């Protein structure tokens, strides 16, 4: 089970980070665009949302970094971690993976027990 789960989870974290960075770039670009002096005094629907999007993206990136670090701690705990790792490590990996349950390739057997 874990031989396939860990690489899959690492891929999901990387893909989520890529999507989040793309959205953050878009939010920053839009936030700068609506600050153009030529737009002063004009109504721009949603202009106030971009700083919130930036904050959510930064929070998401911090969350993904924490997941990556936790996964690293679990997988770096020794050469036989996949064969003899503790139930706690197994549960941690499963809980991390549960956040990506809606992604392609997720298996229900990987869910938290």
N, C-alpha and C. Protein backbone atom coordinates (compact mmCIF):
# COMPACT_ATOMS: atom_id res chain seq x y z
N UNK A 1 0.82 -1.20 0.00
CA UNK A 1 0.00 0.00 0.00
C UNK A 1 0.86 1.26 0.00
N UNK A 2 1.76 1.39 0.96
CA UNK A 2 2.52 2.63 1.09
C UNK A 2 3.57 2.78 0.01
N UNK A 3 3.98 1.68 -0.60
CA UNK A 3 4.97 1.78 -1.67
C UNK A 3 4.45 2.64 -2.82
N UNK A 4 3.16 2.63 -3.04
CA UNK A 4 2.55 3.43 -4.09
C UNK A 4 1.97 4.74 -3.56
N UNK A 5 1.53 4.73 -2.32
CA UNK A 5 0.89 5.91 -1.75
C UNK A 5 1.86 7.08 -1.61
N UNK A 6 3.04 6.83 -1.09
CA UNK A 6 3.97 7.94 -0.83
C UNK A 6 4.37 8.67 -2.10
N UNK A 7 4.79 7.98 -3.18
CA UNK A 7 5.12 8.73 -4.40
C UNK A 7 3.91 9.46 -4.98
N UNK A 8 2.74 8.81 -4.90
CA UNK A 8 1.53 9.46 -5.40
C UNK A 8 1.26 10.74 -4.61
N UNK A 9 1.39 10.65 -3.29
CA UNK A 9 1.15 11.81 -2.44
C UNK A 9 2.14 12.93 -2.74
N UNK A 10 3.39 12.59 -2.93
CA UNK A 10 4.40 13.60 -3.26
C UNK A 10 4.05 14.30 -4.58
N UNK A 11 3.57 13.54 -5.55
CA UNK A 11 3.15 14.14 -6.83
C UNK A 11 1.97 15.08 -6.64
N UNK A 12 1.03 14.70 -5.79
CA UNK A 12 -0.14 15.54 -5.54
C UNK A 12 0.25 16.86 -4.88
N UNK A 13 1.18 16.78 -3.94
CA UNK A 13 1.65 17.99 -3.26
C UNK A 13 2.33 18.90 -4.27
N UNK A 14 3.18 18.34 -5.13
CA UNK A 14 3.86 19.15 -6.15
C UNK A 14 2.86 19.79 -7.12
N UNK A 15 1.88 19.01 -7.56
CA UNK A 15 0.87 19.54 -8.50
C UNK A 15 0.04 20.65 -7.85
N UNK A 16 -0.33 20.47 -6.59
CA UNK A 16 -1.10 21.49 -5.88
C UNK A 16 -0.27 22.76 -5.71
N UNK A 17 1.01 22.60 -5.45
CA UNK A 17 1.88 23.77 -5.32
C UNK A 17 1.96 24.52 -6.64
N UNK A 18 2.09 23.81 -7.75
CA UNK A 18 2.15 24.45 -9.06
C UNK A 18 0.87 25.23 -9.35
N UNK A 19 -0.28 24.61 -9.08
CA UNK A 19 -1.56 25.30 -9.30
C UNK A 19 -1.69 26.53 -8.41
N UNK A 20 -1.26 26.41 -7.17
CA UNK A 20 -1.37 27.53 -6.23
C UNK A 20 -0.46 28.68 -6.63
N UNK A 21 0.76 28.36 -7.05
CA UNK A 21 1.69 29.42 -7.49
C UNK A 21 1.16 30.13 -8.74
N UNK A 22 0.53 29.39 -9.63
CA UNK A 22 -0.07 30.00 -10.82
C UNK A 22 -1.18 30.97 -10.43
N UNK A 23 -2.04 30.55 -9.50
CA UNK A 23 -3.11 31.42 -9.04
C UNK A 23 -2.55 32.63 -8.30
N UNK A 24 -1.52 32.45 -7.51
CA UNK A 24 -0.90 33.56 -6.79
C UNK A 24 -0.34 34.59 -7.77
N UNK A 25 0.31 34.11 -8.81
CA UNK A 25 0.85 35.03 -9.83
C UNK A 25 -0.28 35.81 -10.48
N UNK A 26 -1.36 35.13 -10.81
CA UNK A 26 -2.52 35.81 -11.42
C UNK A 26 -3.11 36.84 -10.45
N UNK A 27 -3.23 36.49 -9.18
CA UNK A 27 -3.78 37.42 -8.19
C UNK A 27 -2.89 38.65 -8.06
N UNK A 28 -1.58 38.45 -8.04
CA UNK A 28 -0.67 39.58 -7.92
C UNK A 28 -0.73 40.47 -9.14
N UNK A 29 -0.82 39.86 -10.32
CA UNK A 29 -0.91 40.63 -11.55
C UNK A 29 -2.21 41.45 -11.58
N UNK A 30 -3.32 40.83 -11.20
CA UNK A 30 -4.60 41.54 -11.19
C UNK A 30 -4.63 42.63 -10.13
N UNK A 31 -4.03 42.36 -8.99
CA UNK A 31 -3.98 43.37 -7.93
C UNK A 31 -3.21 44.60 -8.40
N UNK A 32 -2.12 44.37 -9.10
CA UNK A 32 -1.36 45.50 -9.64
C UNK A 32 -2.14 46.23 -10.73
N UNK A 33 -2.83 45.47 -11.57
CA UNK A 33 -3.58 46.08 -12.67
C UNK A 33 -4.67 47.02 -12.17
N UNK A 34 -5.37 46.64 -11.11
CA UNK A 34 -6.45 47.50 -10.64
C UNK A 34 -5.94 48.71 -9.88
N UNK A 35 -4.65 48.76 -9.61
CA UNK A 35 -4.06 49.93 -8.95
C UNK A 35 -3.54 50.94 -9.97
N UNK A 36 -3.74 50.66 -11.24
CA UNK A 36 -3.32 51.56 -12.30
C UNK A 36 -4.01 52.91 -12.10
N UNK A 37 -3.26 54.01 -12.08
CA UNK A 37 -3.87 55.33 -11.87
C UNK A 37 -4.95 55.67 -12.90
N UNK A 38 -4.88 55.11 -14.08
CA UNK A 38 -5.89 55.39 -15.10
C UNK A 38 -7.26 54.84 -14.70
N UNK A 39 -7.29 53.92 -13.74
CA UNK A 39 -8.55 53.33 -13.30
C UNK A 39 -9.11 54.02 -12.06
N UNK A 40 -8.41 55.01 -11.57
CA UNK A 40 -8.83 55.71 -10.36
C UNK A 40 -10.25 56.25 -10.51
N UNK A 41 -11.09 55.92 -9.56
CA UNK A 41 -12.46 56.39 -9.56
C UNK A 41 -13.43 55.51 -10.33
N UNK A 42 -12.93 54.50 -10.99
CA UNK A 42 -13.81 53.61 -11.73
C UNK A 42 -14.18 52.41 -10.87
N UNK A 43 -15.37 51.89 -11.13
CA UNK A 43 -15.82 50.70 -10.41
C UNK A 43 -15.31 49.46 -11.15
N UNK A 44 -14.59 48.63 -10.41
CA UNK A 44 -14.06 47.38 -10.99
C UNK A 44 -14.57 46.24 -10.11
N UNK A 45 -15.52 45.45 -10.63
CA UNK A 45 -16.08 44.37 -9.82
C UNK A 45 -14.99 43.40 -9.35
N UNK A 46 -15.02 43.08 -8.08
CA UNK A 46 -14.10 42.09 -7.53
C UNK A 46 -12.71 42.60 -7.23
N UNK A 47 -12.44 43.89 -7.40
CA UNK A 47 -11.07 44.40 -7.20
C UNK A 47 -10.57 44.13 -5.80
N UNK A 48 -11.49 44.15 -4.84
CA UNK A 48 -11.08 43.99 -3.44
C UNK A 48 -10.75 42.56 -3.07
N UNK A 49 -11.08 41.60 -3.92
CA UNK A 49 -10.86 40.19 -3.62
C UNK A 49 -9.42 39.74 -3.83
N UNK A 50 -8.65 40.41 -4.67
CA UNK A 50 -7.32 39.92 -5.02
C UNK A 50 -6.36 39.84 -3.83
N UNK A 51 -6.35 40.80 -2.92
CA UNK A 51 -5.49 40.61 -1.74
C UNK A 51 -5.89 39.40 -0.91
N UNK A 52 -7.19 39.12 -0.85
CA UNK A 52 -7.65 37.93 -0.13
C UNK A 52 -7.18 36.66 -0.83
N UNK A 53 -7.22 36.66 -2.16
CA UNK A 53 -6.75 35.50 -2.92
C UNK A 53 -5.26 35.30 -2.67
N UNK A 54 -4.50 36.39 -2.65
CA UNK A 54 -3.07 36.28 -2.35
C UNK A 54 -2.84 35.64 -0.98
N UNK A 55 -3.58 36.10 0.01
CA UNK A 55 -3.43 35.56 1.37
C UNK A 55 -3.77 34.07 1.42
N UNK A 56 -4.85 33.68 0.77
CA UNK A 56 -5.24 32.28 0.73
C UNK A 56 -4.17 31.44 0.03
N UNK A 57 -3.62 31.96 -1.05
CA UNK A 57 -2.56 31.24 -1.77
C UNK A 57 -1.33 31.08 -0.90
N UNK A 58 -0.96 32.12 -0.20
CA UNK A 58 0.22 32.02 0.68
C UNK A 58 -0.03 31.01 1.81
N UNK A 59 -1.23 31.02 2.36
CA UNK A 59 -1.59 30.02 3.39
C UNK A 59 -1.52 28.61 2.82
N UNK A 60 -2.03 28.44 1.60
CA UNK A 60 -2.02 27.12 0.95
C UNK A 60 -0.59 26.66 0.70
N UNK A 61 0.28 27.57 0.27
CA UNK A 61 1.68 27.20 0.03
C UNK A 61 2.36 26.78 1.33
N UNK A 62 2.05 27.47 2.41
CA UNK A 62 2.61 27.09 3.72
C UNK A 62 2.09 25.72 4.14
N UNK A 63 0.82 25.45 3.89
CA UNK A 63 0.22 24.16 4.21
C UNK A 63 0.89 23.04 3.39
N UNK A 64 1.09 23.29 2.11
CA UNK A 64 1.73 22.28 1.26
C UNK A 64 3.17 22.03 1.68
N UNK A 65 3.86 23.09 2.07
CA UNK A 65 5.23 22.93 2.55
C UNK A 65 5.26 22.08 3.82
N UNK A 66 4.31 22.32 4.71
CA UNK A 66 4.25 21.52 5.94
C UNK A 66 3.97 20.05 5.62
N UNK A 67 3.05 19.81 4.68
CA UNK A 67 2.76 18.42 4.28
C UNK A 67 4.01 17.75 3.70
N UNK A 68 4.72 18.48 2.86
CA UNK A 68 5.93 17.93 2.26
C UNK A 68 6.97 17.60 3.33
N UNK A 69 7.11 18.47 4.31
CA UNK A 69 8.08 18.24 5.39
C UNK A 69 7.67 17.06 6.27
N UNK A 70 6.39 16.95 6.57
CA UNK A 70 5.91 15.82 7.37
C UNK A 70 6.15 14.52 6.62
N UNK A 71 5.83 14.50 5.33
CA UNK A 71 6.06 13.31 4.53
C UNK A 71 7.55 12.97 4.50
N UNK A 72 8.39 13.98 4.43
CA UNK A 72 9.83 13.76 4.46
C UNK A 72 10.29 13.16 5.78
N UNK A 73 9.75 13.64 6.88
CA UNK A 73 10.12 13.08 8.18
C UNK A 73 9.74 11.61 8.27
N UNK A 74 8.57 11.28 7.77
CA UNK A 74 8.10 9.90 7.83
C UNK A 74 8.97 9.00 6.95
N UNK A 75 9.24 9.45 5.74
CA UNK A 75 9.97 8.60 4.80
C UNK A 75 11.47 8.56 5.08
N UNK A 76 11.98 9.52 5.84
CA UNK A 76 13.41 9.54 6.16
C UNK A 76 13.74 8.84 7.47
N UNK A 77 12.80 8.13 8.04
CA UNK A 77 13.03 7.56 9.37
C UNK A 77 13.78 6.23 9.32
N UNK A 78 14.27 5.84 8.19
CA UNK A 78 15.08 4.62 8.11
C UNK A 78 14.83 3.85 6.84
N UNK A 79 15.73 2.93 6.51
CA UNK A 79 15.60 2.20 5.25
C UNK A 79 14.41 1.26 5.20
N UNK A 80 13.92 0.83 6.34
CA UNK A 80 12.82 -0.13 6.32
C UNK A 80 11.50 0.51 6.74
N UNK A 81 11.38 1.79 6.61
CA UNK A 81 10.18 2.46 7.10
C UNK A 81 8.93 1.94 6.41
N UNK A 82 9.03 1.59 5.13
CA UNK A 82 7.84 1.13 4.42
C UNK A 82 7.40 -0.26 4.88
N UNK A 83 8.35 -1.06 5.32
CA UNK A 83 8.00 -2.41 5.75
C UNK A 83 7.64 -2.46 7.23
N UNK A 84 8.32 -1.66 8.03
CA UNK A 84 8.11 -1.79 9.46
C UNK A 84 7.79 -0.50 10.17
N UNK A 85 7.31 0.47 9.44
CA UNK A 85 7.02 1.73 10.11
C UNK A 85 5.80 1.57 11.01
N UNK A 86 5.75 2.43 11.97
CA UNK A 86 4.72 2.29 12.98
C UNK A 86 3.34 2.64 12.44
N UNK A 87 2.34 2.23 13.16
CA UNK A 87 0.97 2.57 12.78
C UNK A 87 0.76 4.08 12.76
N UNK A 88 1.45 4.77 13.65
CA UNK A 88 1.30 6.23 13.70
C UNK A 88 1.80 6.85 12.38
N UNK A 89 2.95 6.39 11.89
CA UNK A 89 3.46 6.91 10.61
C UNK A 89 2.48 6.58 9.48
N UNK A 90 1.95 5.37 9.49
CA UNK A 90 0.99 4.97 8.46
C UNK A 90 -0.23 5.90 8.51
N UNK A 91 -0.71 6.15 9.71
CA UNK A 91 -1.88 7.01 9.86
C UNK A 91 -1.59 8.44 9.41
N UNK A 92 -0.39 8.92 9.70
CA UNK A 92 -0.02 10.28 9.27
C UNK A 92 -0.04 10.37 7.75
N UNK A 93 0.57 9.41 7.08
CA UNK A 93 0.60 9.42 5.62
C UNK A 93 -0.82 9.34 5.06
N UNK A 94 -1.65 8.50 5.64
CA UNK A 94 -3.03 8.38 5.18
C UNK A 94 -3.81 9.68 5.38
N UNK A 95 -3.59 10.34 6.50
CA UNK A 95 -4.29 11.60 6.74
C UNK A 95 -3.83 12.68 5.76
N UNK A 96 -2.54 12.71 5.47
CA UNK A 96 -2.04 13.66 4.48
C UNK A 96 -2.66 13.38 3.12
N UNK A 97 -2.75 12.11 2.75
CA UNK A 97 -3.31 11.73 1.45
C UNK A 97 -4.80 12.03 1.37
N UNK A 98 -5.50 11.96 2.48
CA UNK A 98 -6.95 12.19 2.48
C UNK A 98 -7.31 13.58 1.95
N UNK A 99 -6.41 14.53 2.11
CA UNK A 99 -6.66 15.88 1.59
C UNK A 99 -6.75 15.89 0.07
N UNK A 100 -6.22 14.84 -0.57
CA UNK A 100 -6.22 14.75 -2.03
C UNK A 100 -7.13 13.63 -2.53
N UNK A 101 -8.09 13.24 -1.73
CA UNK A 101 -8.96 12.12 -2.07
C UNK A 101 -9.73 12.34 -3.36
N UNK A 102 -9.96 13.56 -3.74
CA UNK A 102 -10.69 13.85 -4.97
C UNK A 102 -9.83 13.82 -6.22
N UNK A 103 -8.54 13.60 -6.07
CA UNK A 103 -7.63 13.61 -7.21
C UNK A 103 -7.58 12.24 -7.88
N UNK A 104 -7.26 12.26 -9.16
CA UNK A 104 -7.13 11.03 -9.93
C UNK A 104 -6.04 10.14 -9.34
N UNK A 105 -6.33 8.87 -9.25
CA UNK A 105 -5.36 7.91 -8.74
C UNK A 105 -5.50 7.59 -7.27
N UNK A 106 -6.32 8.34 -6.56
CA UNK A 106 -6.51 8.07 -5.14
C UNK A 106 -7.29 6.78 -4.97
N UNK A 107 -6.86 5.98 -4.00
CA UNK A 107 -7.53 4.71 -3.73
C UNK A 107 -8.21 4.78 -2.36
N UNK A 108 -9.41 4.27 -2.29
CA UNK A 108 -10.14 4.32 -1.02
C UNK A 108 -9.41 3.57 0.10
N UNK A 109 -8.63 2.57 -0.26
CA UNK A 109 -7.88 1.82 0.75
C UNK A 109 -6.81 2.68 1.43
N UNK A 110 -6.47 3.81 0.82
CA UNK A 110 -5.48 4.71 1.40
C UNK A 110 -6.10 5.64 2.44
N UNK A 111 -7.39 5.63 2.54
CA UNK A 111 -8.07 6.53 3.47
C UNK A 111 -7.73 6.24 4.92
N UNK A 112 -7.95 7.24 5.77
CA UNK A 112 -7.69 7.04 7.20
C UNK A 112 -8.52 5.88 7.74
N UNK A 113 -7.95 5.16 8.65
CA UNK A 113 -8.62 3.98 9.22
C UNK A 113 -9.23 4.34 10.56
